[in-house]
Amino acid sequence: MANQIQELTLEEVMGDRFGRYSKYIIQERALPDVRDGLKPVQRR
């Protein structure tokens, strides 16, 4: 168990997580779908 604990700075963790989150937002929410041209929020 002790060998799985990683020592990371807050800047490293937040930078990585924000990068993943922003990529998800752009791919899944911000870009229109090629099938109908609508964003997910417009499809509701």
N, C-alpha and C. Protein backbone atom coordinates (compact mmCIF):
# COMPACT_ATOMS: atom_id res chain seq x y z
N MET A 1 0.82 -1.19 0.00
CA MET A 1 0.00 0.00 0.00
C MET A 1 0.86 1.25 0.00
N ALA A 2 1.94 1.24 0.76
CA ALA A 2 2.79 2.42 0.88
C ALA A 2 3.48 2.76 -0.44
N ASN A 3 3.71 1.76 -1.28
CA ASN A 3 4.38 2.05 -2.55
C ASN A 3 3.44 2.68 -3.58
N GLN A 4 2.15 2.75 -3.31
CA GLN A 4 1.20 3.36 -4.23
C GLN A 4 0.96 4.83 -3.93
N ILE A 5 1.45 5.33 -2.83
CA ILE A 5 1.25 6.73 -2.46
C ILE A 5 2.29 7.58 -3.19
N GLN A 6 1.81 8.58 -3.91
CA GLN A 6 2.70 9.47 -4.66
C GLN A 6 2.75 10.83 -3.98
N GLU A 7 3.92 11.38 -3.92
CA GLU A 7 4.07 12.72 -3.37
C GLU A 7 4.10 13.70 -4.54
N LEU A 8 3.04 14.48 -4.68
CA LEU A 8 2.92 15.46 -5.76
C LEU A 8 2.57 16.81 -5.17
N THR A 9 2.99 17.85 -5.85
CA THR A 9 2.62 19.19 -5.40
C THR A 9 1.20 19.50 -5.87
N LEU A 10 0.60 20.45 -5.23
CA LEU A 10 -0.75 20.87 -5.61
C LEU A 10 -0.77 21.38 -7.05
N GLU A 11 0.27 22.07 -7.46
CA GLU A 11 0.35 22.60 -8.83
C GLU A 11 0.35 21.48 -9.86
N GLU A 12 1.06 20.39 -9.58
CA GLU A 12 1.11 19.26 -10.50
C GLU A 12 -0.26 18.60 -10.63
N VAL A 13 -0.90 18.37 -9.51
CA VAL A 13 -2.19 17.70 -9.50
C VAL A 13 -3.25 18.56 -10.19
N MET A 14 -3.33 19.83 -9.81
CA MET A 14 -4.35 20.71 -10.38
C MET A 14 -4.12 20.93 -11.87
N GLY A 15 -2.87 21.05 -12.27
CA GLY A 15 -2.57 21.23 -13.69
C GLY A 15 -3.02 20.03 -14.51
N ASP A 16 -2.76 18.84 -14.02
CA ASP A 16 -3.16 17.62 -14.72
C ASP A 16 -4.67 17.48 -14.76
N ARG A 17 -5.33 17.67 -13.62
CA ARG A 17 -6.78 17.50 -13.55
C ARG A 17 -7.51 18.54 -14.38
N PHE A 18 -7.04 19.79 -14.34
CA PHE A 18 -7.67 20.84 -15.12
C PHE A 18 -7.51 20.57 -16.62
N GLY A 19 -6.35 20.05 -17.01
CA GLY A 19 -6.14 19.71 -18.41
C GLY A 19 -7.10 18.64 -18.88
N ARG A 20 -7.29 17.62 -18.08
CA ARG A 20 -8.24 16.55 -18.43
C ARG A 20 -9.67 17.07 -18.49
N TYR A 21 -10.04 17.88 -17.50
CA TYR A 21 -11.40 18.42 -17.44
C TYR A 21 -11.68 19.34 -18.62
N SER A 22 -10.74 20.21 -18.95
CA SER A 22 -10.98 21.13 -20.06
C SER A 22 -11.07 20.38 -21.38
N LYS A 23 -10.29 19.33 -21.55
CA LYS A 23 -10.38 18.52 -22.76
C LYS A 23 -11.75 17.85 -22.85
N TYR A 24 -12.25 17.34 -21.73
CA TYR A 24 -13.57 16.72 -21.70
C TYR A 24 -14.65 17.73 -22.07
N ILE A 25 -14.58 18.93 -21.49
CA ILE A 25 -15.58 19.95 -21.75
C ILE A 25 -15.61 20.32 -23.22
N ILE A 26 -14.43 20.50 -23.80
CA ILE A 26 -14.37 20.87 -25.22
C ILE A 26 -14.92 19.75 -26.09
N GLN A 27 -14.54 18.52 -25.82
CA GLN A 27 -14.96 17.41 -26.66
C GLN A 27 -16.42 17.04 -26.48
N GLU A 28 -16.92 17.04 -25.26
CA GLU A 28 -18.25 16.53 -24.99
C GLU A 28 -19.34 17.59 -24.94
N ARG A 29 -19.00 18.84 -24.61
CA ARG A 29 -20.02 19.85 -24.43
C ARG A 29 -19.95 20.99 -25.42
N ALA A 30 -18.76 21.50 -25.67
CA ALA A 30 -18.63 22.75 -26.43
C ALA A 30 -18.73 22.56 -27.94
N LEU A 31 -18.30 21.41 -28.43
CA LEU A 31 -18.32 21.19 -29.87
C LEU A 31 -19.65 20.58 -30.31
N PRO A 32 -20.23 21.08 -31.39
CA PRO A 32 -21.47 20.49 -31.90
C PRO A 32 -21.24 19.06 -32.40
N ASP A 33 -22.29 18.27 -32.33
CA ASP A 33 -22.24 16.90 -32.83
C ASP A 33 -22.29 16.93 -34.35
N VAL A 34 -21.53 16.07 -35.01
CA VAL A 34 -21.50 16.07 -36.47
C VAL A 34 -22.80 15.53 -37.06
N ARG A 35 -23.56 14.74 -36.30
CA ARG A 35 -24.78 14.15 -36.83
C ARG A 35 -25.89 15.18 -37.04
N ASP A 36 -26.07 16.08 -36.06
CA ASP A 36 -27.17 17.04 -36.17
C ASP A 36 -26.75 18.49 -36.03
N GLY A 37 -25.49 18.74 -35.72
CA GLY A 37 -25.00 20.11 -35.61
C GLY A 37 -25.37 20.81 -34.32
N LEU A 38 -25.96 20.08 -33.37
CA LEU A 38 -26.38 20.68 -32.11
C LEU A 38 -25.40 20.34 -30.99
N LYS A 39 -25.26 21.26 -30.06
CA LYS A 39 -24.50 20.99 -28.85
C LYS A 39 -25.41 20.20 -27.91
N PRO A 40 -24.85 19.43 -26.98
CA PRO A 40 -25.68 18.66 -26.06
C PRO A 40 -26.69 19.50 -25.29
N VAL A 41 -26.33 20.71 -24.91
CA VAL A 41 -27.26 21.54 -24.15
C VAL A 41 -28.43 22.00 -25.03
N GLN A 42 -28.23 22.10 -26.33
CA GLN A 42 -29.29 22.51 -27.24
C GLN A 42 -30.23 21.35 -27.56
N ARG A 43 -29.78 20.14 -27.33
CA ARG A 43 -30.55 18.96 -27.69
C ARG A 43 -31.61 18.62 -26.65
N ARG A 44 -31.58 19.24 -25.49
CA ARG A 44 -32.52 18.92 -24.41
C ARG A 44 -33.91 19.38 -24.72
